[in-house]
Amino acid sequence: MASKKPWRIIPRPLLETILNNHAQRHRVHQPLVLHGPRGVGKTTLILERLLNNWNNGPHITGYVDFAESIKAQTSPWASWSNSPPPSLSDCRKNLDQCLEAMAEKALRLGAITSRQIFTSLNKW
């Protein structure tokens, strides 16, 4: 059942501070899921303002848009709840591509070694 409460509005400078703190001084390596109504600037904030700065330090950050495969099927004003969900294979492919790009970027920056990548892969 949907909540009747309106979305809480968080000012952009505060959101940028929170996201930068999460990326630069994280305590646990974990994904950050940013969600909210369409058209409020979530993707723009991450891709155009924050992501490049996050990849300068000793760690690497990636961005995966799990709804990328269904964007062409919807118009900007339509609700995605009326669209079929993206397939699991598309989501997995997007995540795999992002992880591979992050590993390559980390190798080039010297943040990790190829041995560390192989050790991580062998754990799975």
PDB file of N, CA and C in Angstrom:
ATOM      1  N   MET A   1       0.838  -1.181   0.000  1.00  0.00           N
ATOM      2  CA  MET A   1       0.000   0.000   0.000  1.00  0.00           C
ATOM      3  C   MET A   1       0.878   1.238   0.000  1.00  0.00           C
ATOM      4  N   ALA A   2       0.592   2.146  -0.859  1.00  0.00           N
ATOM      5  CA  ALA A   2       1.387   3.364  -0.993  1.00  0.00           C
ATOM      6  C   ALA A   2       1.147   4.299   0.189  1.00  0.00           C
ATOM      7  N   SER A   3       2.191   4.963   0.586  1.00  0.00           N
ATOM      8  CA  SER A   3       2.102   5.923   1.673  1.00  0.00           C
ATOM      9  C   SER A   3       1.443   7.207   1.176  1.00  0.00           C
ATOM     10  N   LYS A   4       0.672   7.836   2.027  1.00  0.00           N
ATOM     11  CA  LYS A   4       0.002   9.097   1.676  1.00  0.00           C
ATOM     12  C   LYS A   4       0.889  10.306   1.973  1.00  0.00           C
ATOM     13  N   LYS A   5       2.038  10.074   2.613  1.00  0.00           N
ATOM     14  CA  LYS A   5       2.917  11.182   2.964  1.00  0.00           C
ATOM     15  C   LYS A   5       3.644  11.686   1.722  1.00  0.00           C
ATOM     16  N   PRO A   6       3.810  13.009   1.592  1.00  0.00           N
ATOM     17  CA  PRO A   6       4.549  13.542   0.447  1.00  0.00           C
ATOM     18  C   PRO A   6       6.046  13.248   0.586  1.00  0.00           C
ATOM     19  N   TRP A   7       6.748  13.296  -0.547  1.00  0.00           N
ATOM     20  CA  TRP A   7       8.193  13.110  -0.528  1.00  0.00           C
ATOM     21  C   TRP A   7       8.830  14.242   0.260  1.00  0.00           C
ATOM     22  N   ARG A   8       9.835  13.934   1.029  1.00  0.00           N
ATOM     23  CA  ARG A   8      10.578  14.955   1.751  1.00  0.00           C
ATOM     24  C   ARG A   8      11.559  15.606   0.779  1.00  0.00           C
ATOM     25  N   ILE A   9      11.580  16.905   0.726  1.00  0.00           N
ATOM     26  CA  ILE A   9      12.474  17.627  -0.174  1.00  0.00           C
ATOM     27  C   ILE A   9      13.787  17.902   0.551  1.00  0.00           C
ATOM     28  N   ILE A  10      14.881  17.446  -0.058  1.00  0.00           N
ATOM     29  CA  ILE A  10      16.211  17.665   0.503  1.00  0.00           C
ATOM     30  C   ILE A  10      16.921  18.677  -0.394  1.00  0.00           C
ATOM     31  N   PRO A  11      17.391  19.793   0.153  1.00  0.00           N
ATOM     32  CA  PRO A  11      18.084  20.792  -0.668  1.00  0.00           C
ATOM     33  C   PRO A  11      19.315  20.187  -1.352  1.00  0.00           C
ATOM     34  N   ARG A  12      19.560  20.584  -2.590  1.00  0.00           N
ATOM     35  CA  ARG A  12      20.667  20.020  -3.375  1.00  0.00           C
ATOM     36  C   ARG A  12      22.030  20.145  -2.674  1.00  0.00           C
ATOM     37  N   PRO A  13      22.396  21.300  -2.080  1.00  0.00           N
ATOM     38  CA  PRO A  13      23.700  21.374  -1.404  1.00  0.00           C
ATOM     39  C   PRO A  13      23.834  20.349  -0.270  1.00  0.00           C
ATOM     40  N   LEU A  14      22.760  20.132   0.472  1.00  0.00           N
ATOM     41  CA  LEU A  14      22.797  19.142   1.545  1.00  0.00           C
ATOM     42  C   LEU A  14      22.958  17.737   0.971  1.00  0.00           C
ATOM     43  N   LEU A  15      22.233  17.429  -0.093  1.00  0.00           N
ATOM     44  CA  LEU A  15      22.345  16.119  -0.724  1.00  0.00           C
ATOM     45  C   LEU A  15      23.755  15.901  -1.268  1.00  0.00           C
ATOM     46  N   GLU A  16      24.345  16.924  -1.886  1.00  0.00           N
ATOM     47  CA  GLU A  16      25.714  16.802  -2.391  1.00  0.00           C
ATOM     48  C   GLU A  16      26.692  16.534  -1.256  1.00  0.00           C
ATOM     49  N   THR A  17      26.520  17.206  -0.135  1.00  0.00           N
ATOM     50  CA  THR A  17      27.390  16.987   1.020  1.00  0.00           C
ATOM     51  C   THR A  17      27.257  15.562   1.533  1.00  0.00           C
ATOM     52  N   ILE A  18      26.034  15.087   1.653  1.00  0.00           N
ATOM     53  CA  ILE A  18      25.793  13.725   2.137  1.00  0.00           C
ATOM     54  C   ILE A  18      26.423  12.705   1.195  1.00  0.00           C
ATOM     55  N   LEU A  19      26.208  12.867  -0.106  1.00  0.00           N
ATOM     56  CA  LEU A  19      26.758  11.922  -1.079  1.00  0.00           C
ATOM     57  C   LEU A  19      28.283  11.974  -1.117  1.00  0.00           C
ATOM     58  N   ASN A  20      28.857  13.164  -1.047  1.00  0.00           N
ATOM     59  CA  ASN A  20      30.320  13.271  -1.022  1.00  0.00           C
ATOM     60  C   ASN A  20      30.903  12.618   0.222  1.00  0.00           C
ATOM     61  N   ASN A  21      30.269  12.819   1.361  1.00  0.00           N
ATOM     62  CA  ASN A  21      30.735  12.165   2.585  1.00  0.00           C
ATOM     63  C   ASN A  21      30.650  10.651   2.463  1.00  0.00           C
ATOM     64  N   HIS A  22      29.583  10.159   1.863  1.00  0.00           N
ATOM     65  CA  HIS A  22      29.434   8.709   1.682  1.00  0.00           C
ATOM     66  C   HIS A  22      30.545   8.162   0.790  1.00  0.00           C
ATOM     67  N   ALA A  23      30.849   8.881  -0.292  1.00  0.00           N
ATOM     68  CA  ALA A  23      31.847   8.393  -1.248  1.00  0.00           C
ATOM     69  C   ALA A  23      33.278   8.550  -0.735  1.00  0.00           C
ATOM     70  N   GLN A  24      33.576   9.663  -0.088  1.00  0.00           N
ATOM     71  CA  GLN A  24      34.958   9.942   0.318  1.00  0.00           C
ATOM     72  C   GLN A  24      35.342   9.325   1.659  1.00  0.00           C
ATOM     73  N   ARG A  25      34.394   9.199   2.562  1.00  0.00           N
ATOM     74  CA  ARG A  25      34.716   8.712   3.900  1.00  0.00           C
ATOM     75  C   ARG A  25      33.788   7.575   4.313  1.00  0.00           C
ATOM     76  N   HIS A  26      33.605   6.643   3.411  1.00  0.00           N
ATOM     77  CA  HIS A  26      32.711   5.531   3.721  1.00  0.00           C
ATOM     78  C   HIS A  26      33.367   4.591   4.726  1.00  0.00           C
ATOM     79  N   ARG A  27      32.573   3.981   5.546  1.00  0.00           N
ATOM     80  CA  ARG A  27      33.085   3.046   6.545  1.00  0.00           C
ATOM     81  C   ARG A  27      33.012   1.610   6.039  1.00  0.00           C
ATOM     82  N   VAL A  28      32.016   1.326   5.269  1.00  0.00           N
ATOM     83  CA  VAL A  28      31.814  -0.019   4.740  1.00  0.00           C
ATOM     84  C   VAL A  28      31.628   0.102   3.232  1.00  0.00           C
ATOM     85  N   HIS A  29      32.340  -0.731   2.466  1.00  0.00           N
ATOM     86  CA  HIS A  29      32.162  -0.726   1.014  1.00  0.00           C
ATOM     87  C   HIS A  29      30.783  -1.290   0.709  1.00  0.00           C
ATOM     88  N   GLN A  30      29.923  -0.463   0.203  1.00  0.00           N
ATOM     89  CA  GLN A  30      28.556  -0.896  -0.071  1.00  0.00           C
ATOM     90  C   GLN A  30      27.953  -0.030  -1.163  1.00  0.00           C
ATOM     91  N   PRO A  31      26.949  -0.569  -1.834  1.00  0.00           N
ATOM     92  CA  PRO A  31      26.285   0.249  -2.852  1.00  0.00           C
ATOM     93  C   PRO A  31      25.418   1.328  -2.204  1.00  0.00           C
ATOM     94  N   LEU A  32      25.258   2.412  -2.895  1.00  0.00           N
ATOM     95  CA  LEU A  32      24.365   3.483  -2.465  1.00  0.00           C
ATOM     96  C   LEU A  32      23.228   3.531  -3.467  1.00  0.00           C
ATOM     97  N   VAL A  33      22.019   3.354  -3.001  1.00  0.00           N
ATOM     98  CA  VAL A  33      20.851   3.389  -3.872  1.00  0.00           C
ATOM     99  C   VAL A  33      20.175   4.741  -3.692  1.00  0.00           C
ATOM    100  N   LEU A  34      20.116   5.500  -4.760  1.00  0.00           N
ATOM    101  CA  LEU A  34      19.483   6.816  -4.740  1.00  0.00           C
ATOM    102  C   LEU A  34      18.187   6.703  -5.527  1.00  0.00           C
ATOM    103  N   HIS A  35      17.074   6.935  -4.866  1.00  0.00           N
ATOM    104  CA  HIS A  35      15.787   6.798  -5.550  1.00  0.00           C
ATOM    105  C   HIS A  35      14.890   7.976  -5.202  1.00  0.00           C
ATOM    106  N   GLY A  36      13.887   8.164  -6.019  1.00  0.00           N
ATOM    107  CA  GLY A  36      12.951   9.256  -5.818  1.00  0.00           C
ATOM    108  C   GLY A  36      12.137   9.455  -7.070  1.00  0.00           C
ATOM    109  N   PRO A  37      11.283  10.469  -7.089  1.00  0.00           N
ATOM    110  CA  PRO A  37      10.432  10.690  -8.262  1.00  0.00           C
ATOM    111  C   PRO A  37      11.253  11.038  -9.499  1.00  0.00           C
ATOM    112  N   ARG A  38      10.663  10.798 -10.654  1.00  0.00           N
ATOM    113  CA  ARG A  38      11.339  11.090 -11.922  1.00  0.00           C
ATOM    114  C   ARG A  38      11.497  12.588 -12.123  1.00  0.00           C
ATOM    115  N   GLY A  39      12.608  12.953 -12.744  1.00  0.00           N
ATOM    116  CA  GLY A  39      12.792  14.329 -13.172  1.00  0.00           C
ATOM    117  C   GLY A  39      13.279  15.311 -12.130  1.00  0.00           C
ATOM    118  N   VAL A  40      13.770  14.830 -10.999  1.00  0.00           N
ATOM    119  CA  VAL A  40      14.225  15.760  -9.967  1.00  0.00           C
ATOM    120  C   VAL A  40      15.734  15.982  -9.993  1.00  0.00           C
ATOM    121  N   GLY A  41      16.445  15.279 -10.890  1.00  0.00           N
ATOM    122  CA  GLY A  41      17.875  15.528 -11.054  1.00  0.00           C
ATOM    123  C   GLY A  41      18.802  14.525 -10.404  1.00  0.00           C
ATOM    124  N   LYS A  42      18.324  13.332 -10.082  1.00  0.00           N
ATOM    125  CA  LYS A  42      19.184  12.327  -9.440  1.00  0.00           C
ATOM    126  C   LYS A  42      20.355  11.943 -10.343  1.00  0.00           C
ATOM    127  N   THR A  43      20.058  11.598 -11.578  1.00  0.00           N
ATOM    128  CA  THR A  43      21.102  11.186 -12.517  1.00  0.00           C
ATOM    129  C   THR A  43      22.024  12.349 -12.845  1.00  0.00           C
ATOM    130  N   THR A  44      21.472  13.513 -13.072  1.00  0.00           N
ATOM    131  CA  THR A  44      22.277  14.696 -13.376  1.00  0.00           C
ATOM    132  C   THR A  44      23.232  15.004 -12.231  1.00  0.00           C
ATOM    133  N   LEU A  45      22.746  14.936 -11.012  1.00  0.00           N
ATOM    134  CA  LEU A  45      23.576  15.214  -9.844  1.00  0.00           C
ATOM    135  C   LEU A  45      24.764  14.263  -9.782  1.00  0.00           C
ATOM    136  N   ILE A  46      24.505  12.985  -9.970  1.00  0.00           N
ATOM    137  CA  ILE A  46      25.583  11.997  -9.872  1.00  0.00           C
ATOM    138  C   ILE A  46      26.543  12.118 -11.052  1.00  0.00           C
ATOM    139  N   LEU A  47      26.026  12.043 -12.266  1.00  0.00           N
ATOM    140  CA  LEU A  47      26.893  11.966 -13.445  1.00  0.00           C
ATOM    141  C   LEU A  47      27.604  13.272 -13.771  1.00  0.00           C
ATOM    142  N   GLU A  48      26.927  14.396 -13.640  1.00  0.00           N
ATOM    143  CA  GLU A  48      27.516  15.659 -14.090  1.00  0.00           C
ATOM    144  C   GLU A  48      28.206  16.454 -12.989  1.00  0.00           C
ATOM    145  N   ARG A  49      27.905  16.165 -11.736  1.00  0.00           N
ATOM    146  CA  ARG A  49      28.488  16.990 -10.677  1.00  0.00           C
ATOM    147  C   ARG A  49      29.404  16.235  -9.731  1.00  0.00           C
ATOM    148  N   LEU A  50      29.130  14.957  -9.461  1.00  0.00           N
ATOM    149  CA  LEU A  50      29.851  14.301  -8.380  1.00  0.00           C
ATOM    150  C   LEU A  50      30.776  13.164  -8.797  1.00  0.00           C
ATOM    151  N   LEU A  51      30.377  12.354  -9.762  1.00  0.00           N
ATOM    152  CA  LEU A  51      31.081  11.100 -10.047  1.00  0.00           C
ATOM    153  C   LEU A  51      32.554  11.296 -10.400  1.00  0.00           C
ATOM    154  N   ASN A  52      32.886  12.281 -11.210  1.00  0.00           N
ATOM    155  CA  ASN A  52      34.294  12.490 -11.587  1.00  0.00           C
ATOM    156  C   ASN A  52      35.165  12.797 -10.381  1.00  0.00           C
ATOM    157  N   ASN A  53      34.673  13.571  -9.437  1.00  0.00           N
ATOM    158  CA  ASN A  53      35.446  13.888  -8.232  1.00  0.00           C
ATOM    159  C   ASN A  53      35.613  12.674  -7.329  1.00  0.00           C
ATOM    160  N   TRP A  54      34.685  11.754  -7.376  1.00  0.00           N
ATOM    161  CA  TRP A  54      34.765  10.573  -6.519  1.00  0.00           C
ATOM    162  C   TRP A  54      35.855   9.610  -6.968  1.00  0.00           C
ATOM    163  N   ASN A  55      36.270   9.679  -8.215  1.00  0.00           N
ATOM    164  CA  ASN A  55      37.259   8.736  -8.732  1.00  0.00           C
ATOM    165  C   ASN A  55      38.684   9.270  -8.677  1.00  0.00           C
ATOM    166  N   ASN A  56      38.938  10.318  -7.938  1.00  0.00           N
ATOM    167  CA  ASN A  56      40.286  10.864  -7.809  1.00  0.00           C
ATOM    168  C   ASN A  56      41.041  10.282  -6.628  1.00  0.00           C
ATOM    169  N   GLY A  57      40.361   9.705  -5.701  1.00  0.00           N
ATOM    170  CA  GLY A  57      40.995   9.236  -4.478  1.00  0.00           C
ATOM    171  C   GLY A  57      41.484   7.803  -4.577  1.00  0.00           C
ATOM    172  N   PRO A  58      41.690   7.187  -3.436  1.00  0.00           N
ATOM    173  CA  PRO A  58      42.229   5.823  -3.419  1.00  0.00           C
ATOM    174  C   PRO A  58      41.190   4.754  -3.753  1.00  0.00           C
ATOM    175  N   HIS A  59      39.972   5.144  -4.000  1.00  0.00           N
ATOM    176  CA  HIS A  59      38.939   4.165  -4.334  1.00  0.00           C
ATOM    177  C   HIS A  59      38.253   4.580  -5.636  1.00  0.00           C
ATOM    178  N   ILE A  60      37.519   3.646  -6.211  1.00  0.00           N
ATOM    179  CA  ILE A  60      36.860   3.865  -7.493  1.00  0.00           C
ATOM    180  C   ILE A  60      35.354   3.768  -7.283  1.00  0.00           C
ATOM    181  N   THR A  61      34.615   4.614  -7.965  1.00  0.00           N
ATOM    182  CA  THR A  61      33.164   4.636  -7.859  1.00  0.00           C
ATOM    183  C   THR A  61      32.557   4.406  -9.237  1.00  0.00           C
ATOM    184  N   GLY A  62      31.449   3.695  -9.275  1.00  0.00           N
ATOM    185  CA  GLY A  62      30.761   3.446 -10.535  1.00  0.00           C
ATOM    186  C   GLY A  62      29.301   3.844 -10.441  1.00  0.00           C
ATOM    187  N   TYR A  63      28.667   3.942 -11.587  1.00  0.00           N
ATOM    188  CA  TYR A  63      27.252   4.303 -11.655  1.00  0.00           C
ATOM    189  C   TYR A  63      26.550   3.307 -12.564  1.00  0.00           C
ATOM    190  N   VAL A  64      25.491   2.703 -12.063  1.00  0.00           N
ATOM    191  CA  VAL A  64      24.701   1.756 -12.852  1.00  0.00           C
ATOM    192  C   VAL A  64      23.257   2.241 -12.869  1.00  0.00           C
ATOM    193  N   ASP A  65      22.715   2.429 -14.059  1.00  0.00           N
ATOM    194  CA  ASP A  65      21.311   2.816 -14.222  1.00  0.00           C
ATOM    195  C   ASP A  65      20.541   1.562 -14.617  1.00  0.00           C
ATOM    196  N   PHE A  66      19.865   0.946 -13.666  1.00  0.00           N
ATOM    197  CA  PHE A  66      19.160  -0.309 -13.933  1.00  0.00           C
ATOM    198  C   PHE A  66      17.922  -0.109 -14.805  1.00  0.00           C
ATOM    199  N   ALA A  67      17.469   1.116 -14.951  1.00  0.00           N
ATOM    200  CA  ALA A  67      16.295   1.380 -15.792  1.00  0.00           C
ATOM    201  C   ALA A  67      16.688   1.801 -17.203  1.00  0.00           C
ATOM    202  N   GLU A  68      17.966   1.751 -17.518  1.00  0.00           N
ATOM    203  CA  GLU A  68      18.438   2.210 -18.830  1.00  0.00           C
ATOM    204  C   GLU A  68      17.763   1.477 -19.981  1.00  0.00           C
ATOM    205  N   SER A  69      17.505   0.184 -19.814  1.00  0.00           N
ATOM    206  CA  SER A  69      16.945  -0.612 -20.914  1.00  0.00           C
ATOM    207  C   SER A  69      15.480  -0.288 -21.204  1.00  0.00           C
ATOM    208  N   ILE A  70      14.774   0.342 -20.266  1.00  0.00           N
ATOM    209  CA  ILE A  70      13.359   0.644 -20.513  1.00  0.00           C
ATOM    210  C   ILE A  70      13.110   2.121 -20.808  1.00  0.00           C
ATOM    211  N   LYS A  71      14.148   2.936 -20.822  1.00  0.00           N
ATOM    212  CA  LYS A  71      13.970   4.372 -21.078  1.00  0.00           C
ATOM    213  C   LYS A  71      13.352   4.640 -22.440  1.00  0.00           C
ATOM    214  N   ALA A  72      13.742   3.869 -23.438  1.00  0.00           N
ATOM    215  CA  ALA A  72      13.229   4.096 -24.796  1.00  0.00           C
ATOM    216  C   ALA A  72      11.749   3.743 -24.914  1.00  0.00           C
ATOM    217  N   GLN A  73      11.233   2.945 -23.983  1.00  0.00           N
ATOM    218  CA  GLN A  73       9.838   2.505 -24.044  1.00  0.00           C
ATOM    219  C   GLN A  73       8.883   3.480 -23.367  1.00  0.00           C
ATOM    220  N   THR A  74       9.415   4.494 -22.700  1.00  0.00           N
ATOM    221  CA  THR A  74       8.555   5.411 -21.951  1.00  0.00           C
ATOM    222  C   THR A  74       8.839   6.852 -22.351  1.00  0.00           C
ATOM    223  N   SER A  75       7.842   7.661 -22.204  1.00  0.00           N
ATOM    224  CA  SER A  75       8.027   9.088 -22.436  1.00  0.00           C
ATOM    225  C   SER A  75       8.402   9.743 -21.108  1.00  0.00           C
ATOM    226  N   PRO A  76       9.031  10.911 -21.147  1.00  0.00           N
ATOM    227  CA  PRO A  76       9.505  11.541 -19.906  1.00  0.00           C
ATOM    228  C   PRO A  76       8.412  11.795 -18.873  1.00  0.00           C
ATOM    229  N   TRP A  77       7.184  11.981 -19.319  1.00  0.00           N
ATOM    230  CA  TRP A  77       6.114  12.299 -18.371  1.00  0.00           C
ATOM    231  C   TRP A  77       5.362  11.054 -17.897  1.00  0.00           C
ATOM    232  N   ALA A  78       5.671   9.893 -18.441  1.00  0.00           N
ATOM    233  CA  ALA A  78       4.955   8.668 -18.076  1.00  0.00           C
ATOM    234  C   ALA A  78       5.535   8.058 -16.805  1.00  0.00           C
ATOM    235  N   SER A  79       4.693   7.387 -16.072  1.00  0.00           N
ATOM    236  CA  SER A  79       5.132   6.688 -14.868  1.00  0.00           C
ATOM    237  C   SER A  79       5.761   5.362 -15.256  1.00  0.00           C
ATOM    238  N   TRP A  80       6.915   5.067 -14.678  1.00  0.00           N
ATOM    239  CA  TRP A  80       7.565   3.795 -14.990  1.00  0.00           C
ATOM    240  C   TRP A  80       6.839   2.620 -14.356  1.00  0.00           C
ATOM    241  N   SER A  81       5.948   2.884 -13.428  1.00  0.00           N
ATOM    242  CA  SER A  81       5.187   1.779 -12.841  1.00  0.00           C
ATOM    243  C   SER A  81       4.246   1.167 -13.874  1.00  0.00           C
ATOM    244  N   ASN A  82       3.969   1.887 -14.963  1.00  0.00           N
ATOM    245  CA  ASN A  82       3.138   1.355 -16.040  1.00  0.00           C
ATOM    246  C   ASN A  82       3.960   0.607 -17.086  1.00  0.00           C
ATOM    247  N   SER A  83       5.273   0.635 -16.961  1.00  0.00           N
ATOM    248  CA  SER A  83       6.160  -0.028 -17.919  1.00  0.00           C
ATOM    249  C   SER A  83       6.564  -1.397 -17.387  1.00  0.00           C
ATOM    250  N   PRO A  84       6.884  -2.316 -18.294  1.00  0.00           N
ATOM    251  CA  PRO A  84       7.392  -3.600 -17.819  1.00  0.00           C
ATOM    252  C   PRO A  84       8.759  -3.388 -17.169  1.00  0.00           C
ATOM    253  N   PRO A  85       9.062  -4.127 -16.120  1.00  0.00           N
ATOM    254  CA  PRO A  85      10.359  -3.944 -15.461  1.00  0.00           C
ATOM    255  C   PRO A  85      11.498  -4.398 -16.375  1.00  0.00           C
ATOM    256  N   PRO A  86      12.687  -3.867 -16.162  1.00  0.00           N
ATOM    257  CA  PRO A  86      13.820  -4.325 -16.966  1.00  0.00           C
ATOM    258  C   PRO A  86      14.103  -5.794 -16.662  1.00  0.00           C
ATOM    259  N   SER A  87      14.627  -6.489 -17.643  1.00  0.00           N
ATOM    260  CA  SER A  87      14.906  -7.913 -17.432  1.00  0.00           C
ATOM    261  C   SER A  87      16.109  -8.068 -16.509  1.00  0.00           C
ATOM    262  N   LEU A  88      16.131  -9.169 -15.808  1.00  0.00           N
ATOM    263  CA  LEU A  88      17.236  -9.449 -14.898  1.00  0.00           C
ATOM    264  C   LEU A  88      18.552  -9.549 -15.667  1.00  0.00           C
ATOM    265  N   SER A  89      18.500 -10.093 -16.879  1.00  0.00           N
ATOM    266  CA  SER A  89      19.735 -10.209 -17.669  1.00  0.00           C
ATOM    267  C   SER A  89      20.274  -8.827 -18.051  1.00  0.00           C
ATOM    268  N   ASP A  90      19.386  -7.870 -18.354  1.00  0.00           N
ATOM    269  CA  ASP A  90      19.838  -6.504 -18.653  1.00  0.00           C
ATOM    270  C   ASP A  90      20.473  -5.851 -17.421  1.00  0.00           C
ATOM    271  N   CYS A  91      19.843  -6.033 -16.270  1.00  0.00           N
ATOM    272  CA  CYS A  91      20.394  -5.469 -15.029  1.00  0.00           C
ATOM    273  C   CYS A  91      21.763  -6.070 -14.728  1.00  0.00           C
ATOM    274  N   ARG A  92      21.869  -7.380 -14.892  1.00  0.00           N
ATOM    275  CA  ARG A  92      23.141  -8.057 -14.626  1.00  0.00           C
ATOM    276  C   ARG A  92      24.227  -7.584 -15.600  1.00  0.00           C
ATOM    277  N   LYS A  93      23.862  -7.425 -16.878  1.00  0.00           N
ATOM    278  CA  LYS A  93      24.816  -6.963 -17.883  1.00  0.00           C
ATOM    279  C   LYS A  93      25.316  -5.559 -17.537  1.00  0.00           C
ATOM    280  N   ASN A  94      24.404  -4.667 -17.151  1.00  0.00           N
ATOM    281  CA  ASN A  94      24.793  -3.302 -16.780  1.00  0.00           C
ATOM    282  C   ASN A  94      25.729  -3.300 -15.575  1.00  0.00           C
ATOM    283  N   LEU A  95      25.417  -4.121 -14.578  1.00  0.00           N
ATOM    284  CA  LEU A  95      26.258  -4.201 -13.390  1.00  0.00           C
ATOM    285  C   LEU A  95      27.628  -4.778 -13.733  1.00  0.00           C
ATOM    286  N   ASP A  96      27.663  -5.846 -14.533  1.00  0.00           N
ATOM    287  CA  ASP A  96      28.939  -6.452 -14.937  1.00  0.00           C
ATOM    288  C   ASP A  96      29.815  -5.454 -15.690  1.00  0.00           C
ATOM    289  N   GLN A  97      29.211  -4.704 -16.607  1.00  0.00           N
ATOM    290  CA  GLN A  97      29.981  -3.717 -17.373  1.00  0.00           C
ATOM    291  C   GLN A  97      30.561  -2.641 -16.463  1.00  0.00           C
ATOM    292  N   CYS A  98      29.779  -2.206 -15.494  1.00  0.00           N
ATOM    293  CA  CYS A  98      30.255  -1.181 -14.566  1.00  0.00           C
ATOM    294  C   CYS A  98      31.399  -1.720 -13.707  1.00  0.00           C
ATOM    295  N   LEU A  99      31.252  -2.946 -13.199  1.00  0.00           N
ATOM    296  CA  LEU A  99      32.302  -3.531 -12.362  1.00  0.00           C
ATOM    297  C   LEU A  99      33.593  -3.732 -13.152  1.00  0.00           C
ATOM    298  N   GLU A 100      33.477  -4.176 -14.398  1.00  0.00           N
ATOM    299  CA  GLU A 100      34.669  -4.343 -15.234  1.00  0.00           C
ATOM    300  C   GLU A 100      35.356  -3.004 -15.492  1.00  0.00           C
ATOM    301  N   ALA A 101      34.569  -1.973 -15.773  1.00  0.00           N
ATOM    302  CA  ALA A 101      35.142  -0.644 -16.004  1.00  0.00           C
ATOM    303  C   ALA A 101      35.814  -0.113 -14.739  1.00  0.00           C
ATOM    304  N   MET A 102      35.204  -0.361 -13.582  1.00  0.00           N
ATOM    305  CA  MET A 102      35.798   0.081 -12.323  1.00  0.00           C
ATOM    306  C   MET A 102      37.109  -0.643 -12.053  1.00  0.00           C
ATOM    307  N   ALA A 103      37.146  -1.954 -12.312  1.00  0.00           N
ATOM    308  CA  ALA A 103      38.372  -2.720 -12.096  1.00  0.00           C
ATOM    309  C   ALA A 103      39.487  -2.215 -13.010  1.00  0.00           C
ATOM    310  N   GLU A 104      39.154  -1.959 -14.272  1.00  0.00           N
ATOM    311  CA  GLU A 104      40.160  -1.453 -15.212  1.00  0.00           C
ATOM    312  C   GLU A 104      40.667  -0.079 -14.779  1.00  0.00           C
ATOM    313  N   LYS A 105      39.750   0.795 -14.358  1.00  0.00           N
ATOM    314  CA  LYS A 105      40.135   2.137 -13.923  1.00  0.00           C
ATOM    315  C   LYS A 105      41.017   2.062 -12.673  1.00  0.00           C
ATOM    316  N   ALA A 106      40.662   1.179 -11.745  1.00  0.00           N
ATOM    317  CA  ALA A 106      41.447   1.031 -10.516  1.00  0.00           C
ATOM    318  C   ALA A 106      42.847   0.506 -10.815  1.00  0.00           C
ATOM    319  N   LEU A 107      42.957  -0.421 -11.764  1.00  0.00           N
ATOM    320  CA  LEU A 107      44.276  -0.926 -12.165  1.00  0.00           C
ATOM    321  C   LEU A 107      45.134   0.191 -12.749  1.00  0.00           C
ATOM    322  N   ARG A 108      44.546   0.986 -13.625  1.00  0.00           N
ATOM    323  CA  ARG A 108      45.303   2.070 -14.269  1.00  0.00           C
ATOM    324  C   ARG A 108      45.751   3.131 -13.272  1.00  0.00           C
ATOM    325  N   LEU A 109      44.931   3.375 -12.245  1.00  0.00           N
ATOM    326  CA  LEU A 109      45.295   4.363 -11.229  1.00  0.00           C
ATOM    327  C   LEU A 109      46.246   3.801 -10.179  1.00  0.00           C
ATOM    328  N   GLY A 110      46.432   2.485 -10.196  1.00  0.00           N
ATOM    329  CA  GLY A 110      47.291   1.854  -9.199  1.00  0.00           C
ATOM    330  C   GLY A 110      46.618   1.675  -7.854  1.00  0.00           C
ATOM    331  N   ALA A 111      45.292   1.796  -7.807  1.00  0.00           N
ATOM    332  CA  ALA A 111      44.563   1.642  -6.547  1.00  0.00           C
ATOM    333  C   ALA A 111      44.480   0.180  -6.127  1.00  0.00           C
ATOM    334  N   ILE A 112      44.488  -0.730  -7.095  1.00  0.00           N
ATOM    335  CA  ILE A 112      44.487  -2.163  -6.809  1.00  0.00           C
ATOM    336  C   ILE A 112      45.427  -2.854  -7.791  1.00  0.00           C
ATOM    337  N   THR A 113      45.776  -4.083  -7.457  1.00  0.00           N
ATOM    338  CA  THR A 113      46.645  -4.863  -8.337  1.00  0.00           C
ATOM    339  C   THR A 113      45.830  -5.947  -9.019  1.00  0.00           C
ATOM    340  N   SER A 114      46.356  -6.480 -10.090  1.00  0.00           N
ATOM    341  CA  SER A 114      45.661  -7.569 -10.780  1.00  0.00           C
ATOM    342  C   SER A 114      45.530  -8.771  -9.859  1.00  0.00           C
ATOM    343  N   ARG A 115      46.500  -8.968  -8.974  1.00  0.00           N
ATOM    344  CA  ARG A 115      46.427 -10.086  -8.019  1.00  0.00           C
ATOM    345  C   ARG A 115      45.218  -9.930  -7.086  1.00  0.00           C
ATOM    346  N   GLN A 116      44.938  -8.710  -6.650  1.00  0.00           N
ATOM    347  CA  GLN A 116      43.780  -8.469  -5.786  1.00  0.00           C
ATOM    348  C   GLN A 116      42.480  -8.770  -6.525  1.00  0.00           C
ATOM    349  N   ILE A 117      42.429  -8.450  -7.811  1.00  0.00           N
ATOM    350  CA  ILE A 117      41.231  -8.756  -8.597  1.00  0.00           C
ATOM    351  C   ILE A 117      41.040 -10.260  -8.700  1.00  0.00           C
ATOM    352  N   PHE A 118      42.109 -10.992  -9.023  1.00  0.00           N
ATOM    353  CA  PHE A 118      42.001 -12.447  -9.137  1.00  0.00           C
ATOM    354  C   PHE A 118      41.627 -13.082  -7.805  1.00  0.00           C
ATOM    355  N   THR A 119      42.165 -12.571  -6.709  1.00  0.00           N
ATOM    356  CA  THR A 119      41.808 -13.088  -5.382  1.00  0.00           C
ATOM    357  C   THR A 119      40.324 -12.884  -5.116  1.00  0.00           C
ATOM    358  N   SER A 120      39.810 -11.706  -5.460  1.00  0.00           N
ATOM    359  CA  SER A 120      38.381 -11.432  -5.264  1.00  0.00           C
ATOM    360  C   SER A 120      37.515 -12.332  -6.129  1.00  0.00           C
ATOM    361  N   LEU A 121      37.909 -12.520  -7.388  1.00  0.00           N
ATOM    362  CA  LEU A 121      37.133 -13.380  -8.285  1.00  0.00           C
ATOM    363  C   LEU A 121      37.126 -14.828  -7.819  1.00  0.00           C
ATOM    364  N   ASN A 122      38.228 -15.286  -7.257  1.00  0.00           N
ATOM    365  CA  ASN A 122      38.302 -16.673  -6.784  1.00  0.00           C
ATOM    366  C   ASN A 122      37.429 -16.921  -5.558  1.00  0.00           C
ATOM    367  N   LYS A 123      37.068 -15.868  -4.838  1.00  0.00           N
ATOM    368  CA  LYS A 123      36.192 -16.027  -3.668  1.00  0.00           C
ATOM    369  C   LYS A 123      34.772 -16.364  -4.075  1.00  0.00           C
ATOM    370  N   TRP A 124      34.393 -15.997  -5.319  1.00  0.00           N
ATOM    371  CA  TRP A 124      33.042 -16.271  -5.785  1.00  0.00           C
ATOM    372  C   TRP A 124      33.006 -17.614  -6.421  1.00  0.00           C
TER     373      TRP A 124
END
